[in-house]
PDB file of N, CA and C in Angstrom:
ATOM      1  N   MET A   1       0.844  -1.166   0.000  1.00  0.00           N
ATOM      2  CA  MET A   1       0.000   0.000   0.000  1.00  0.00           C
ATOM      3  C   MET A   1       0.900   1.244   0.000  1.00  0.00           C
ATOM      4  N   THR A   2       0.612   2.196  -0.877  1.00  0.00           N
ATOM      5  CA  THR A   2       1.379   3.432  -0.949  1.00  0.00           C
ATOM      6  C   THR A   2       0.843   4.423   0.072  1.00  0.00           C
ATOM      7  N   ARG A   3       1.755   5.060   0.788  1.00  0.00           N
ATOM      8  CA  ARG A   3       1.351   6.037   1.791  1.00  0.00           C
ATOM      9  C   ARG A   3       0.819   7.288   1.100  1.00  0.00           C
ATOM     10  N   THR A   4      -0.243   7.849   1.647  1.00  0.00           N
ATOM     11  CA  THR A   4      -0.848   9.048   1.082  1.00  0.00           C
ATOM     12  C   THR A   4       0.140  10.196   1.059  1.00  0.00           C
ATOM     13  N   ASP A   5       0.938  10.362   2.127  1.00  0.00           N
ATOM     14  CA  ASP A   5       1.862  11.487   2.168  1.00  0.00           C
ATOM     15  C   ASP A   5       2.948  11.354   1.105  1.00  0.00           C
ATOM     16  N   GLU A   6       3.272  10.128   0.671  1.00  0.00           N
ATOM     17  CA  GLU A   6       4.229   9.956  -0.411  1.00  0.00           C
ATOM     18  C   GLU A   6       3.617  10.387  -1.740  1.00  0.00           C
ATOM     19  N   LYS A   7       2.322  10.183  -1.901  1.00  0.00           N
ATOM     20  CA  LYS A   7       1.641  10.556  -3.131  1.00  0.00           C
ATOM     21  C   LYS A   7       1.609  12.067  -3.313  1.00  0.00           C
ATOM     22  N   VAL A   8       1.500  12.800  -2.217  1.00  0.00           N
ATOM     23  CA  VAL A   8       1.341  14.249  -2.316  1.00  0.00           C
ATOM     24  C   VAL A   8       2.592  15.007  -1.905  1.00  0.00           C
ATOM     25  N   GLY A   9       3.655  14.297  -1.573  1.00  0.00           N
ATOM     26  CA  GLY A   9       4.919  14.953  -1.263  1.00  0.00           C
ATOM     27  C   GLY A   9       4.933  15.695   0.055  1.00  0.00           C
ATOM     28  N   TYR A  10       4.232  15.205   1.043  1.00  0.00           N
ATOM     29  CA  TYR A  10       4.197  15.853   2.349  1.00  0.00           C
ATOM     30  C   TYR A  10       4.896  14.961   3.346  1.00  0.00           C
ATOM     31  N   SER A  11       5.783  15.494   4.103  1.00  0.00           N
ATOM     32  CA  SER A  11       6.502  14.725   5.100  1.00  0.00           C
ATOM     33  C   SER A  11       5.938  15.011   6.478  1.00  0.00           C
ATOM     34  N   PRO A  12       5.339  14.014   7.131  1.00  0.00           N
ATOM     35  CA  PRO A  12       4.740  14.268   8.443  1.00  0.00           C
ATOM     36  C   PRO A  12       5.799  14.570   9.492  1.00  0.00           C
ATOM     37  N   GLN A  13       5.439  15.422  10.431  1.00  0.00           N
ATOM     38  CA  GLN A  13       6.303  15.760  11.556  1.00  0.00           C
ATOM     39  C   GLN A  13       5.482  15.584  12.819  1.00  0.00           C
ATOM     40  N   SER A  14       6.077  14.981  13.834  1.00  0.00           N
ATOM     41  CA  SER A  14       5.331  14.802  15.068  1.00  0.00           C
ATOM     42  C   SER A  14       5.723  15.887  16.056  1.00  0.00           C
ATOM     43  N   LYS A  15       4.746  16.296  16.852  1.00  0.00           N
ATOM     44  CA  LYS A  15       4.974  17.315  17.867  1.00  0.00           C
ATOM     45  C   LYS A  15       4.286  16.869  19.142  1.00  0.00           C
ATOM     46  N   SER A  16       4.884  17.180  20.251  1.00  0.00           N
ATOM     47  CA  SER A  16       4.281  16.876  21.535  1.00  0.00           C
ATOM     48  C   SER A  16       3.599  18.132  22.051  1.00  0.00           C
ATOM     49  N   HIS A  17       2.334  18.035  22.414  1.00  0.00           N
ATOM     50  CA  HIS A  17       1.570  19.204  22.819  1.00  0.00           C
ATOM     51  C   HIS A  17       1.168  19.201  24.286  1.00  0.00           C
ATOM     52  N   GLY A  18       1.351  18.108  24.992  1.00  0.00           N
ATOM     53  CA  GLY A  18       0.994  18.059  26.396  1.00  0.00           C
ATOM     54  C   GLY A  18      -0.506  18.177  26.654  1.00  0.00           C
ATOM     55  N   TYR A  19      -1.307  17.481  25.883  1.00  0.00           N
ATOM     56  CA  TYR A  19      -2.756  17.508  26.073  1.00  0.00           C
ATOM     57  C   TYR A  19      -3.158  16.712  27.304  1.00  0.00           C
ATOM     58  N   THR A  20      -4.269  17.097  27.895  1.00  0.00           N
ATOM     59  CA  THR A  20      -4.897  16.279  28.928  1.00  0.00           C
ATOM     60  C   THR A  20      -5.919  15.395  28.224  1.00  0.00           C
ATOM     61  N   ARG A  21      -6.500  14.457  28.945  1.00  0.00           N
ATOM     62  CA  ARG A  21      -7.545  13.613  28.342  1.00  0.00           C
ATOM     63  C   ARG A  21      -8.697  14.473  27.822  1.00  0.00           C
ATOM     64  N   GLU A  22      -9.076  15.466  28.603  1.00  0.00           N
ATOM     65  CA  GLU A  22     -10.215  16.308  28.234  1.00  0.00           C
ATOM     66  C   GLU A  22      -9.905  17.184  27.017  1.00  0.00           C
ATOM     67  N   THR A  23      -8.731  17.825  27.024  1.00  0.00           N
ATOM     68  CA  THR A  23      -8.417  18.697  25.892  1.00  0.00           C
ATOM     69  C   THR A  23      -8.169  17.879  24.626  1.00  0.00           C
ATOM     70  N   ALA A  24      -7.597  16.691  24.767  1.00  0.00           N
ATOM     71  CA  ALA A  24      -7.391  15.822  23.610  1.00  0.00           C
ATOM     72  C   ALA A  24      -8.737  15.381  23.038  1.00  0.00           C
ATOM     73  N   THR A  25      -9.654  15.018  23.912  1.00  0.00           N
ATOM     74  CA  THR A  25     -10.990  14.610  23.471  1.00  0.00           C
ATOM     75  C   THR A  25     -11.685  15.747  22.748  1.00  0.00           C
ATOM     76  N   ASP A  26     -11.649  16.920  23.333  1.00  0.00           N
ATOM     77  CA  ASP A  26     -12.282  18.089  22.705  1.00  0.00           C
ATOM     78  C   ASP A  26     -11.650  18.398  21.350  1.00  0.00           C
ATOM     79  N   GLY A  27     -10.324  18.338  21.289  1.00  0.00           N
ATOM     80  CA  GLY A  27      -9.627  18.637  20.048  1.00  0.00           C
ATOM     81  C   GLY A  27      -9.958  17.659  18.938  1.00  0.00           C
ATOM     82  N   ILE A  28      -9.991  16.378  19.271  1.00  0.00           N
ATOM     83  CA  ILE A  28     -10.320  15.350  18.273  1.00  0.00           C
ATOM     84  C   ILE A  28     -11.762  15.498  17.808  1.00  0.00           C
ATOM     85  N   GLU A  29     -12.683  15.739  18.740  1.00  0.00           N
ATOM     86  CA  GLU A  29     -14.087  15.925  18.360  1.00  0.00           C
ATOM     87  C   GLU A  29     -14.243  17.123  17.432  1.00  0.00           C
ATOM     88  N   GLN A  30     -13.545  18.204  17.719  1.00  0.00           N
ATOM     89  CA  GLN A  30     -13.609  19.396  16.875  1.00  0.00           C
ATOM     90  C   GLN A  30     -13.038  19.092  15.485  1.00  0.00           C
ATOM     91  N   ALA A  31     -11.926  18.382  15.433  1.00  0.00           N
ATOM     92  CA  ALA A  31     -11.307  18.035  14.151  1.00  0.00           C
ATOM     93  C   ALA A  31     -12.237  17.140  13.327  1.00  0.00           C
ATOM     94  N   LEU A  32     -12.853  16.154  13.977  1.00  0.00           N
ATOM     95  CA  LEU A  32     -13.749  15.247  13.255  1.00  0.00           C
ATOM     96  C   LEU A  32     -14.984  15.976  12.739  1.00  0.00           C
ATOM     97  N   ARG A  33     -15.477  16.958  13.496  1.00  0.00           N
ATOM     98  CA  ARG A  33     -16.625  17.748  13.027  1.00  0.00           C
ATOM     99  C   ARG A  33     -16.278  18.508  11.748  1.00  0.00           C
ATOM    100  N   MET A  34     -15.021  18.945  11.629  1.00  0.00           N
ATOM    101  CA  MET A  34     -14.613  19.693  10.433  1.00  0.00           C
ATOM    102  C   MET A  34     -14.586  18.833   9.177  1.00  0.00           C
ATOM    103  N   ILE A  35     -14.311  17.537   9.332  1.00  0.00           N
ATOM    104  CA  ILE A  35     -14.223  16.684   8.142  1.00  0.00           C
ATOM    105  C   ILE A  35     -15.402  15.729   8.013  1.00  0.00           C
ATOM    106  N   GLU A  36     -16.358  15.815   8.959  1.00  0.00           N
ATOM    107  CA  GLU A  36     -17.528  14.953   8.814  1.00  0.00           C
ATOM    108  C   GLU A  36     -18.434  15.526   7.734  1.00  0.00           C
ATOM    109  N   GLY A  37     -19.144  14.675   7.114  1.00  0.00           N
ATOM    110  CA  GLY A  37     -20.012  15.067   6.014  1.00  0.00           C
ATOM    111  C   GLY A  37     -19.828  14.059   4.905  1.00  0.00           C
ATOM    112  N   ARG A  38     -20.861  13.815   4.190  1.00  0.00           N
ATOM    113  CA  ARG A  38     -20.878  12.769   3.171  1.00  0.00           C
ATOM    114  C   ARG A  38     -19.798  12.947   2.113  1.00  0.00           C
ATOM    115  N   TRP A  39     -19.439  14.195   1.767  1.00  0.00           N
ATOM    116  CA  TRP A  39     -18.575  14.429   0.628  1.00  0.00           C
ATOM    117  C   TRP A  39     -17.240  15.088   0.960  1.00  0.00           C
ATOM    118  N   LYS A  40     -17.022  15.499   2.189  1.00  0.00           N
ATOM    119  CA  LYS A  40     -15.816  16.258   2.513  1.00  0.00           C
ATOM    120  C   LYS A  40     -14.538  15.461   2.277  1.00  0.00           C
ATOM    121  N   LEU A  41     -14.510  14.208   2.676  1.00  0.00           N
ATOM    122  CA  LEU A  41     -13.301  13.408   2.454  1.00  0.00           C
ATOM    123  C   LEU A  41     -13.051  13.179   0.966  1.00  0.00           C
ATOM    124  N   VAL A  42     -14.109  12.988   0.210  1.00  0.00           N
ATOM    125  CA  VAL A  42     -13.963  12.807  -1.239  1.00  0.00           C
ATOM    126  C   VAL A  42     -13.378  14.079  -1.854  1.00  0.00           C
ATOM    127  N   ILE A  43     -13.897  15.230  -1.446  1.00  0.00           N
ATOM    128  CA  ILE A  43     -13.377  16.507  -1.929  1.00  0.00           C
ATOM    129  C   ILE A  43     -11.905  16.645  -1.564  1.00  0.00           C
ATOM    130  N   LEU A  44     -11.574  16.339  -0.304  1.00  0.00           N
ATOM    131  CA  LEU A  44     -10.187  16.431   0.145  1.00  0.00           C
ATOM    132  C   LEU A  44      -9.256  15.610  -0.743  1.00  0.00           C
ATOM    133  N   PHE A  45      -9.629  14.368  -1.005  1.00  0.00           N
ATOM    134  CA  PHE A  45      -8.760  13.497  -1.782  1.00  0.00           C
ATOM    135  C   PHE A  45      -8.627  13.962  -3.232  1.00  0.00           C
ATOM    136  N   HIS A  46      -9.627  14.664  -3.750  1.00  0.00           N
ATOM    137  CA  HIS A  46      -9.503  15.225  -5.093  1.00  0.00           C
ATOM    138  C   HIS A  46      -8.579  16.438  -5.109  1.00  0.00           C
ATOM    139  N   LEU A  47      -8.441  17.117  -3.983  1.00  0.00           N
ATOM    140  CA  LEU A  47      -7.632  18.335  -3.927  1.00  0.00           C
ATOM    141  C   LEU A  47      -6.237  18.124  -3.336  1.00  0.00           C
ATOM    142  N   PHE A  48      -5.963  16.952  -2.760  1.00  0.00           N
ATOM    143  CA  PHE A  48      -4.639  16.700  -2.192  1.00  0.00           C
ATOM    144  C   PHE A  48      -3.567  16.835  -3.269  1.00  0.00           C
ATOM    145  N   GLY A  49      -2.376  17.145  -2.838  1.00  0.00           N
ATOM    146  CA  GLY A  49      -1.242  17.239  -3.743  1.00  0.00           C
ATOM    147  C   GLY A  49      -1.147  18.571  -4.462  1.00  0.00           C
ATOM    148  N   GLY A  50      -1.813  19.581  -3.943  1.00  0.00           N
ATOM    149  CA  GLY A  50      -1.728  20.903  -4.549  1.00  0.00           C
ATOM    150  C   GLY A  50      -2.608  21.088  -5.770  1.00  0.00           C
ATOM    151  N   ARG A  51      -3.537  20.178  -5.994  1.00  0.00           N
ATOM    152  CA  ARG A  51      -4.415  20.297  -7.154  1.00  0.00           C
ATOM    153  C   ARG A  51      -5.352  21.481  -6.991  1.00  0.00           C
ATOM    154  N   VAL A  52      -5.566  22.181  -8.081  1.00  0.00           N
ATOM    155  CA  VAL A  52      -6.504  23.296  -8.133  1.00  0.00           C
ATOM    156  C   VAL A  52      -7.587  22.894  -9.121  1.00  0.00           C
ATOM    157  N   LEU A  53      -8.838  22.843  -8.641  1.00  0.00           N
ATOM    158  CA  LEU A  53      -9.940  22.407  -9.499  1.00  0.00           C
ATOM    159  C   LEU A  53     -11.037  23.453  -9.539  1.00  0.00           C
ATOM    160  N   ARG A  54     -11.595  23.627 -10.712  1.00  0.00           N
ATOM    161  CA  ARG A  54     -12.761  24.491 -10.856  1.00  0.00           C
ATOM    162  C   ARG A  54     -13.966  23.753 -10.290  1.00  0.00           C
ATOM    163  N   PHE A  55     -15.004  24.517  -9.969  1.00  0.00           N
ATOM    164  CA  PHE A  55     -16.212  23.916  -9.417  1.00  0.00           C
ATOM    165  C   PHE A  55     -16.752  22.838 -10.359  1.00  0.00           C
ATOM    166  N   SER A  56     -16.798  23.140 -11.649  1.00  0.00           N
ATOM    167  CA  SER A  56     -17.337  22.175 -12.620  1.00  0.00           C
ATOM    168  C   SER A  56     -16.484  20.903 -12.684  1.00  0.00           C
ATOM    169  N   GLU A  57     -15.172  21.031 -12.478  1.00  0.00           N
ATOM    170  CA  GLU A  57     -14.307  19.853 -12.468  1.00  0.00           C
ATOM    171  C   GLU A  57     -14.590  18.980 -11.249  1.00  0.00           C
ATOM    172  N   LEU A  58     -14.844  19.618 -10.112  1.00  0.00           N
ATOM    173  CA  LEU A  58     -15.221  18.853  -8.917  1.00  0.00           C
ATOM    174  C   LEU A  58     -16.557  18.153  -9.125  1.00  0.00           C
ATOM    175  N   GLU A  59     -17.494  18.842  -9.753  1.00  0.00           N
ATOM    176  CA  GLU A  59     -18.800  18.225 -10.053  1.00  0.00           C
ATOM    177  C   GLU A  59     -18.627  16.986 -10.911  1.00  0.00           C
ATOM    178  N   ARG A  60     -17.797  17.075 -11.928  1.00  0.00           N
ATOM    179  CA  ARG A  60     -17.565  15.925 -12.818  1.00  0.00           C
ATOM    180  C   ARG A  60     -16.801  14.809 -12.101  1.00  0.00           C
ATOM    181  N   ALA A  61     -15.885  15.185 -11.205  1.00  0.00           N
ATOM    182  CA  ALA A  61     -15.086  14.189 -10.491  1.00  0.00           C
ATOM    183  C   ALA A  61     -15.914  13.419  -9.468  1.00  0.00           C
ATOM    184  N   ILE A  62     -16.993  14.052  -8.977  1.00  0.00           N
ATOM    185  CA  ILE A  62     -17.862  13.421  -7.973  1.00  0.00           C
ATOM    186  C   ILE A  62     -19.289  13.434  -8.520  1.00  0.00           C
ATOM    187  N   PRO A  63     -19.586  12.576  -9.474  1.00  0.00           N
ATOM    188  CA  PRO A  63     -20.879  12.656 -10.168  1.00  0.00           C
ATOM    189  C   PRO A  63     -22.102  12.392  -9.300  1.00  0.00           C
ATOM    190  N   SER A  64     -21.950  11.691  -8.186  1.00  0.00           N
ATOM    191  CA  SER A  64     -23.123  11.368  -7.377  1.00  0.00           C
ATOM    192  C   SER A  64     -23.494  12.466  -6.373  1.00  0.00           C
ATOM    193  N   VAL A  65     -22.741  13.559  -6.307  1.00  0.00           N
ATOM    194  CA  VAL A  65     -23.067  14.645  -5.388  1.00  0.00           C
ATOM    195  C   VAL A  65     -23.914  15.682  -6.127  1.00  0.00           C
ATOM    196  N   SER A  66     -24.912  16.209  -5.429  1.00  0.00           N
ATOM    197  CA  SER A  66     -25.713  17.270  -6.038  1.00  0.00           C
ATOM    198  C   SER A  66     -24.940  18.585  -5.974  1.00  0.00           C
ATOM    199  N   GLN A  67     -25.292  19.493  -6.858  1.00  0.00           N
ATOM    200  CA  GLN A  67     -24.634  20.790  -6.887  1.00  0.00           C
ATOM    201  C   GLN A  67     -24.810  21.520  -5.555  1.00  0.00           C
ATOM    202  N   LYS A  68     -26.009  21.466  -5.004  1.00  0.00           N
ATOM    203  CA  LYS A  68     -26.302  22.130  -3.730  1.00  0.00           C
ATOM    204  C   LYS A  68     -25.429  21.562  -2.606  1.00  0.00           C
ATOM    205  N   MET A  69     -25.300  20.255  -2.543  1.00  0.00           N
ATOM    206  CA  MET A  69     -24.515  19.625  -1.483  1.00  0.00           C
ATOM    207  C   MET A  69     -23.022  19.923  -1.652  1.00  0.00           C
ATOM    208  N   LEU A  70     -22.551  19.915  -2.887  1.00  0.00           N
ATOM    209  CA  LEU A  70     -21.145  20.233  -3.144  1.00  0.00           C
ATOM    210  C   LEU A  70     -20.837  21.662  -2.699  1.00  0.00           C
ATOM    211  N   ILE A  71     -21.726  22.591  -3.025  1.00  0.00           N
ATOM    212  CA  ILE A  71     -21.553  23.982  -2.598  1.00  0.00           C
ATOM    213  C   ILE A  71     -21.534  24.072  -1.081  1.00  0.00           C
ATOM    214  N   GLN A  72     -22.469  23.404  -0.411  1.00  0.00           N
ATOM    215  CA  GLN A  72     -22.534  23.438   1.060  1.00  0.00           C
ATOM    216  C   GLN A  72     -21.255  22.895   1.689  1.00  0.00           C
ATOM    217  N   GLN A  73     -20.795  21.763   1.205  1.00  0.00           N
ATOM    218  CA  GLN A  73     -19.608  21.138   1.774  1.00  0.00           C
ATOM    219  C   GLN A  73     -18.375  22.018   1.546  1.00  0.00           C
ATOM    220  N   LEU A  74     -18.247  22.587   0.349  1.00  0.00           N
ATOM    221  CA  LEU A  74     -17.117  23.465   0.052  1.00  0.00           C
ATOM    222  C   LEU A  74     -17.156  24.732   0.918  1.00  0.00           C
ATOM    223  N   ARG A  75     -18.333  25.288   1.115  1.00  0.00           N
ATOM    224  CA  ARG A  75     -18.454  26.488   1.951  1.00  0.00           C
ATOM    225  C   ARG A  75     -18.070  26.201   3.396  1.00  0.00           C
ATOM    226  N   GLN A  76     -18.495  25.050   3.906  1.00  0.00           N
ATOM    227  CA  GLN A  76     -18.122  24.677   5.271  1.00  0.00           C
ATOM    228  C   GLN A  76     -16.614  24.492   5.388  1.00  0.00           C
ATOM    229  N   MET A  77     -16.029  23.843   4.403  1.00  0.00           N
ATOM    230  CA  MET A  77     -14.582  23.620   4.427  1.00  0.00           C
ATOM    231  C   MET A  77     -13.822  24.939   4.282  1.00  0.00           C
ATOM    232  N   GLU A  78     -14.367  25.854   3.514  1.00  0.00           N
ATOM    233  CA  GLU A  78     -13.754  27.178   3.383  1.00  0.00           C
ATOM    234  C   GLU A  78     -13.849  27.939   4.707  1.00  0.00           C
ATOM    235  N   ALA A  79     -15.010  27.881   5.358  1.00  0.00           N
ATOM    236  CA  ALA A  79     -15.199  28.555   6.647  1.00  0.00           C
ATOM    237  C   ALA A  79     -14.271  27.984   7.715  1.00  0.00           C
ATOM    238  N   ASP A  80     -13.965  26.696   7.623  1.00  0.00           N
ATOM    239  CA  ASP A  80     -13.072  26.047   8.588  1.00  0.00           C
ATOM    240  C   ASP A  80     -11.597  26.261   8.247  1.00  0.00           C
ATOM    241  N   GLY A  81     -11.309  26.870   7.114  1.00  0.00           N
ATOM    242  CA  GLY A  81      -9.925  27.139   6.743  1.00  0.00           C
ATOM    243  C   GLY A  81      -9.213  25.981   6.068  1.00  0.00           C
ATOM    244  N   ILE A  82      -9.978  25.008   5.580  1.00  0.00           N
ATOM    245  CA  ILE A  82      -9.393  23.827   4.933  1.00  0.00           C
ATOM    246  C   ILE A  82      -9.219  24.057   3.434  1.00  0.00           C
ATOM    247  N   VAL A  83     -10.194  24.737   2.840  1.00  0.00           N
ATOM    248  CA  VAL A  83     -10.208  24.971   1.396  1.00  0.00           C
ATOM    249  C   VAL A  83     -10.162  26.469   1.135  1.00  0.00           C
ATOM    250  N   CYS A  84      -9.481  26.844   0.071  1.00  0.00           N
ATOM    251  CA  CYS A  84      -9.441  28.240  -0.362  1.00  0.00           C
ATOM    252  C   CYS A  84     -10.212  28.348  -1.673  1.00  0.00           C
ATOM    253  N   ARG A  85     -11.079  29.333  -1.748  1.00  0.00           N
ATOM    254  CA  ARG A  85     -11.904  29.564  -2.936  1.00  0.00           C
ATOM    255  C   ARG A  85     -11.415  30.835  -3.612  1.00  0.00           C
ATOM    256  N   THR A  86     -11.136  30.740  -4.908  1.00  0.00           N
ATOM    257  CA  THR A  86     -10.691  31.897  -5.673  1.00  0.00           C
ATOM    258  C   THR A  86     -11.706  32.163  -6.778  1.00  0.00           C
ATOM    259  N   VAL A  87     -12.249  33.391  -6.790  1.00  0.00           N
ATOM    260  CA  VAL A  87     -13.220  33.787  -7.808  1.00  0.00           C
ATOM    261  C   VAL A  87     -12.540  34.768  -8.755  1.00  0.00           C
ATOM    262  N   TYR A  88     -12.603  34.486 -10.043  1.00  0.00           N
ATOM    263  CA  TYR A  88     -12.032  35.362 -11.056  1.00  0.00           C
ATOM    264  C   TYR A  88     -13.138  36.204 -11.663  1.00  0.00           C
ATOM    265  N   PRO A  89     -12.927  37.520 -11.762  1.00  0.00           N
ATOM    266  CA  PRO A  89     -13.973  38.416 -12.276  1.00  0.00           C
ATOM    267  C   PRO A  89     -14.076  38.347 -13.806  1.00  0.00           C
ATOM    268  N   GLU A  90     -14.748  37.346 -14.273  1.00  0.00           N
ATOM    269  CA  GLU A  90     -14.972  37.196 -15.704  1.00  0.00           C
ATOM    270  C   GLU A  90     -16.343  36.602 -15.926  1.00  0.00           C
ATOM    271  N   VAL A  91     -16.802  36.635 -17.162  1.00  0.00           N
ATOM    272  CA  VAL A  91     -18.115  36.105 -17.508  1.00  0.00           C
ATOM    273  C   VAL A  91     -17.903  34.955 -18.478  1.00  0.00           C
ATOM    274  N   PRO A  92     -18.406  33.767 -18.192  1.00  0.00           N
ATOM    275  CA  PRO A  92     -19.045  33.356 -16.934  1.00  0.00           C
ATOM    276  C   PRO A  92     -18.017  33.301 -15.803  1.00  0.00           C
ATOM    277  N   PRO A  93     -18.494  33.394 -14.559  1.00  0.00           N
ATOM    278  CA  PRO A  93     -17.562  33.405 -13.419  1.00  0.00           C
ATOM    279  C   PRO A  93     -16.724  32.129 -13.364  1.00  0.00           C
ATOM    280  N   LYS A  94     -15.465  32.322 -13.061  1.00  0.00           N
ATOM    281  CA  LYS A  94     -14.550  31.188 -12.908  1.00  0.00           C
ATOM    282  C   LYS A  94     -14.215  31.086 -11.428  1.00  0.00           C
ATOM    283  N   VAL A  95     -14.495  29.934 -10.834  1.00  0.00           N
ATOM    284  CA  VAL A  95     -14.239  29.700  -9.411  1.00  0.00           C
ATOM    285  C   VAL A  95     -13.350  28.479  -9.284  1.00  0.00           C
ATOM    286  N   GLU A  96     -12.243  28.630  -8.567  1.00  0.00           N
ATOM    287  CA  GLU A  96     -11.315  27.528  -8.352  1.00  0.00           C
ATOM    288  C   GLU A  96     -11.187  27.246  -6.858  1.00  0.00           C
ATOM    289  N   TYR A  97     -10.910  25.986  -6.563  1.00  0.00           N
ATOM    290  CA  TYR A  97     -10.727  25.549  -5.183  1.00  0.00           C
ATOM    291  C   TYR A  97      -9.390  24.831  -5.052  1.00  0.00           C
ATOM    292  N   HIS A  98      -8.715  25.078  -3.939  1.00  0.00           N
ATOM    293  CA  HIS A  98      -7.511  24.337  -3.591  1.00  0.00           C
ATOM    294  C   HIS A  98      -7.416  24.268  -2.074  1.00  0.00           C
ATOM    295  N   LEU A  99      -6.619  23.339  -1.587  1.00  0.00           N
ATOM    296  CA  LEU A  99      -6.442  23.204  -0.152  1.00  0.00           C
ATOM    297  C   LEU A  99      -5.504  24.283   0.363  1.00  0.00           C
ATOM    298  N   THR A 100      -5.797  24.779   1.540  1.00  0.00           N
ATOM    299  CA  THR A 100      -4.863  25.658   2.220  1.00  0.00           C
ATOM    300  C   THR A 100      -3.696  24.793   2.691  1.00  0.00           C
ATOM    301  N   ASP A 101      -2.620  25.409   3.133  1.00  0.00           N
ATOM    302  CA  ASP A 101      -1.508  24.623   3.679  1.00  0.00           C
ATOM    303  C   ASP A 101      -1.993  23.782   4.850  1.00  0.00           C
ATOM    304  N   TRP A 102      -2.863  24.372   5.660  1.00  0.00           N
ATOM    305  CA  TRP A 102      -3.405  23.654   6.812  1.00  0.00           C
ATOM    306  C   TRP A 102      -4.277  22.485   6.346  1.00  0.00           C
ATOM    307  N   GLY A 103      -5.062  22.685   5.306  1.00  0.00           N
ATOM    308  CA  GLY A 103      -5.869  21.603   4.744  1.00  0.00           C
ATOM    309  C   GLY A 103      -5.008  20.491   4.177  1.00  0.00           C
ATOM    310  N   GLN A 104      -3.922  20.878   3.505  1.00  0.00           N
ATOM    311  CA  GLN A 104      -2.993  19.890   2.950  1.00  0.00           C
ATOM    312  C   GLN A 104      -2.343  19.070   4.060  1.00  0.00           C
ATOM    313  N   SER A 105      -2.164  19.688   5.229  1.00  0.00           N
ATOM    314  CA  SER A 105      -1.517  18.982   6.341  1.00  0.00           C
ATOM    315  C   SER A 105      -2.396  17.876   6.927  1.00  0.00           C
ATOM    316  N   LEU A 106      -3.638  17.789   6.485  1.00  0.00           N
ATOM    317  CA  LEU A 106      -4.515  16.671   6.883  1.00  0.00           C
ATOM    318  C   LEU A 106      -4.069  15.342   6.282  1.00  0.00           C
ATOM    319  N   CYS A 107      -3.324  15.397   5.200  1.00  0.00           N
ATOM    320  CA  CYS A 107      -2.945  14.193   4.473  1.00  0.00           C
ATOM    321  C   CYS A 107      -2.283  13.134   5.350  1.00  0.00           C
ATOM    322  N   PRO A 108      -1.229  13.446   6.110  1.00  0.00           N
ATOM    323  CA  PRO A 108      -0.616  12.395   6.920  1.00  0.00           C
ATOM    324  C   PRO A 108      -1.527  11.896   8.039  1.00  0.00           C
ATOM    325  N   ALA A 109      -2.399  12.753   8.557  1.00  0.00           N
ATOM    326  CA  ALA A 109      -3.335  12.312   9.595  1.00  0.00           C
ATOM    327  C   ALA A 109      -4.323  11.299   9.014  1.00  0.00           C
ATOM    328  N   LEU A 110      -4.819  11.570   7.812  1.00  0.00           N
ATOM    329  CA  LEU A 110      -5.743  10.638   7.173  1.00  0.00           C
ATOM    330  C   LEU A 110      -5.021   9.365   6.750  1.00  0.00           C
ATOM    331  N   ASP A 111      -3.763   9.496   6.365  1.00  0.00           N
ATOM    332  CA  ASP A 111      -2.956   8.322   6.032  1.00  0.00           C
ATOM    333  C   ASP A 111      -2.794   7.423   7.258  1.00  0.00           C
ATOM    334  N   ALA A 112      -2.519   8.033   8.406  1.00  0.00           N
ATOM    335  CA  ALA A 112      -2.376   7.260   9.643  1.00  0.00           C
ATOM    336  C   ALA A 112      -3.687   6.574  10.008  1.00  0.00           C
ATOM    337  N   LEU A 113      -4.802   7.262   9.809  1.00  0.00           N
ATOM    338  CA  LEU A 113      -6.113   6.676  10.096  1.00  0.00           C
ATOM    339  C   LEU A 113      -6.401   5.508   9.158  1.00  0.00           C
ATOM    340  N   LEU A 114      -6.042   5.659   7.895  1.00  0.00           N
ATOM    341  CA  LEU A 114      -6.222   4.581   6.922  1.00  0.00           C
ATOM    342  C   LEU A 114      -5.377   3.369   7.282  1.00  0.00           C
ATOM    343  N   THR A 115      -4.144   3.607   7.682  1.00  0.00           N
ATOM    344  CA  THR A 115      -3.248   2.528   8.092  1.00  0.00           C
ATOM    345  C   THR A 115      -3.802   1.824   9.324  1.00  0.00           C
ATOM    346  N   TRP A 116      -4.301   2.600  10.282  1.00  0.00           N
ATOM    347  CA  TRP A 116      -4.905   2.036  11.484  1.00  0.00           C
ATOM    348  C   TRP A 116      -6.107   1.162  11.127  1.00  0.00           C
ATOM    349  N   ALA A 117      -6.979   1.657  10.246  1.00  0.00           N
ATOM    350  CA  ALA A 117      -8.169   0.886   9.863  1.00  0.00           C
ATOM    351  C   ALA A 117      -7.792  -0.399   9.132  1.00  0.00           C
ATOM    352  N   ALA A 118      -6.739  -0.333   8.309  1.00  0.00           N
ATOM    353  CA  ALA A 118      -6.311  -1.511   7.550  1.00  0.00           C
ATOM    354  C   ALA A 118      -5.690  -2.577   8.450  1.00  0.00           C
ATOM    355  N   SER A 119      -5.208  -2.172   9.631  1.00  0.00           N
ATOM    356  CA  SER A 119      -4.569  -3.136  10.525  1.00  0.00           C
ATOM    357  C   SER A 119      -5.565  -3.828  11.465  1.00  0.00           C
ATOM    358  N   ARG A 120      -6.844  -3.607  11.242  1.00  0.00           N
ATOM    359  CA  ARG A 120      -7.876  -4.215  12.092  1.00  0.00           C
ATOM    360  C   ARG A 120      -7.763  -5.732  12.048  1.00  0.00           C
ATOM    361  N   PRO A 121      -7.749  -6.363  13.247  1.00  0.00           N
ATOM    362  CA  PRO A 121      -7.665  -7.828  13.264  1.00  0.00           C
ATOM    363  C   PRO A 121      -8.907  -8.455  12.646  1.00  0.00           C
ATOM    364  N   ALA A 122      -8.682  -9.542  11.959  1.00  0.00           N
ATOM    365  CA  ALA A 122      -9.778 -10.234  11.267  1.00  0.00           C
ATOM    366  C   ALA A 122     -10.696 -10.944  12.215  1.00  0.00           C
TER     367      ALA A 122
END
């Protein structure tokens, strides 16, 4: 299995933060709320690696999502600082999405979660 961080060229770094059980629980719950949603992880994986996609390209890449839901999920991710939205003043409007540096830093965390899930005993 290829590591996600190798695919996108991100090298994970570990840091010790001195969390308590309560602050760690709160922090994890807050982080999970930011990425919960039917389409957020799919959007993330389409944007990992510095990819910049127009709204229409995301729609085509995720054909089973409705336009309304895609807009909602992208707006939430933008409000959380995970995705950056760039609007170009032209007709028709051109809107592009890419991950912020902070959003890109989710890659090794999701890779670790994937590795953990794959190691589940049979």
